[in-house]
Protein backbone atom coordinates (compact mmCIF):
# COMPACT_ATOMS: atom_id res chain seq x y z
CA MET A 1 164.01 38.24 241.89
CA ALA A 2 161.38 38.04 244.60
CA THR A 3 162.37 38.21 248.22
CA PRO A 4 160.49 36.11 250.75
CA ALA A 5 158.21 37.96 253.13
CA ILE A 6 158.91 37.75 256.85
CA PRO A 7 155.86 36.34 258.66
CA ILE A 8 154.35 38.20 261.60
CA SER A 9 155.40 35.38 263.92
CA GLY A 10 159.02 35.87 262.85
CA ILE A 11 158.81 39.57 263.60
CA PHE A 12 157.22 38.82 266.97
CA PHE A 13 160.02 36.43 267.95
CA ALA A 14 162.65 38.90 266.78
CA PHE A 15 161.05 41.58 268.97
CA LEU A 16 160.87 39.10 271.82
CA LEU A 17 164.68 38.99 271.82
CA LEU A 18 164.57 42.42 273.43
CA ALA A 19 163.27 40.74 276.59
CA ILE A 20 166.69 39.23 277.31
CA PRO A 21 168.65 42.50 277.71
CA VAL A 22 165.70 44.16 279.48
CA PHE A 23 165.58 41.26 281.95
CA VAL A 24 169.34 41.53 282.58
CA MET A 25 169.03 45.30 283.06
CA HIS A 26 166.18 44.76 285.49
CA LYS A 27 168.09 42.16 287.54
CA THR A 28 171.27 44.26 287.67
CA ARG A 29 169.26 47.42 288.36
CA LEU A 30 170.66 49.32 285.41
CA PRO A 31 168.70 52.53 284.83
CA MET A 32 168.50 52.09 281.05
CA ILE A 33 165.30 50.07 280.57
CA ARG A 34 163.13 53.01 279.54
CA GLU A 35 165.76 54.35 277.12
CA THR A 36 166.30 50.89 275.63
CA VAL A 37 162.60 50.21 275.05
CA TRP A 38 162.05 53.73 273.68
CA SER A 39 165.01 53.35 271.30
CA PHE A 40 163.70 49.99 270.15
CA LEU A 41 160.23 51.39 269.47
CA ARG A 42 161.67 54.38 267.64
CA MET A 43 163.91 52.09 265.56
CA SER A 44 160.93 49.88 264.68
CA ILE A 45 158.86 52.85 263.52
CA GLN A 46 161.74 54.29 261.51
CA LEU A 47 162.45 50.96 259.82
CA GLY A 48 158.77 50.52 259.02
CA LEU A 49 158.51 53.99 257.49
CA ALA A 50 161.77 53.51 255.59
CA GLY A 51 160.47 50.20 254.23
CA ILE A 52 157.24 51.81 253.05
CA PHE A 53 159.08 54.72 251.47
CA LEU A 54 161.66 52.50 249.79
CA THR A 55 158.88 50.35 248.35
CA VAL A 56 157.37 53.47 246.80
CA LEU A 57 160.81 54.66 245.72
CA PHE A 58 161.57 51.43 243.87
CA GLU A 59 158.12 51.34 242.27
CA TYR A 60 158.40 54.82 240.77
CA ASN A 61 162.17 54.77 240.12
CA ASN A 62 162.21 58.56 240.05
CA ALA A 63 165.54 60.40 240.29
CA PHE A 64 163.93 63.33 242.14
CA LEU A 65 162.56 61.02 244.84
CA ASN A 66 165.94 59.30 245.15
CA VAL A 67 167.76 62.59 245.70
CA LEU A 68 165.04 63.82 248.08
CA TRP A 69 165.38 60.63 250.17
CA LEU A 70 169.16 61.02 250.25
CA CYS A 71 168.87 64.67 251.34
CA ILE A 72 166.43 63.76 254.10
CA MET A 73 168.74 61.04 255.42
CA ILE A 74 171.78 63.34 255.37
CA THR A 75 169.87 66.17 257.08
CA VAL A 76 168.57 63.92 259.86
CA ALA A 77 171.99 62.32 260.35
CA ALA A 78 173.67 65.73 260.67
CA TYR A 79 171.04 66.95 263.12
CA GLU A 80 171.24 63.80 265.25
CA SER A 81 175.05 63.85 265.34
CA VAL A 82 175.02 67.37 266.80
CA ARG A 83 172.02 66.81 269.08
CA LYS A 84 173.39 63.60 270.62
CA GLN A 85 176.57 65.42 271.68
CA GLU A 86 174.46 68.10 273.38
CA LEU A 87 176.17 70.84 271.40
CA ASN A 88 174.77 74.12 270.15
CA ILE A 89 172.70 73.04 267.14
CA ARG A 90 172.46 76.54 265.63
CA LYS A 91 176.23 76.97 265.53
CA LEU A 92 177.34 73.46 264.61
CA TYR A 93 174.53 72.03 262.45
CA LEU A 94 176.09 72.85 259.09
CA ARG A 95 179.52 71.37 259.87
CA PRO A 96 178.54 67.67 259.64
CA LEU A 97 176.52 68.24 256.46
CA LEU A 98 179.55 68.37 254.16
CA PRO A 99 181.26 65.19 255.40
CA LEU A 100 177.94 63.36 255.34
CA SER A 101 177.10 64.65 251.85
CA LEU A 102 180.33 64.01 250.01
CA PRO A 103 180.46 60.18 250.01
CA PRO A 104 176.95 59.53 248.64
CA TYR A 105 177.18 62.17 245.94
CA SER A 106 180.71 61.24 244.90
CA VAL A 107 179.78 57.56 244.63
CA SER A 108 176.62 58.38 242.69
CA SER A 109 178.61 60.52 240.24
CA ILE A 110 181.08 57.66 239.69
CA LEU A 111 178.38 55.02 239.23
CA ARG A 112 176.23 57.11 236.92
CA PRO A 113 175.78 55.30 233.57
């Protein structure tokens, strides 16, 4: 089943939607414009890289690459959850790893053919 490609003009208009909240923030003098634009750019880059990697992942259909991708996602999620709370990363980094690791691995063990 082939999925339709999104044209560049569609992506442009989707990105243009960011102008609405930025305009409102500018008019109400909210000091979040830089953070919002930076988050949007970071999200766009991450989604682009994830799309490229997932394309490769589905082409090769390799179990090692699947597990590696899952480990990378769990590691980054654990790091970000501690970093965003401005906590001591060295002390608290390992604590979110277990709760973030259990659901994907338990589901994959159930769904294994």
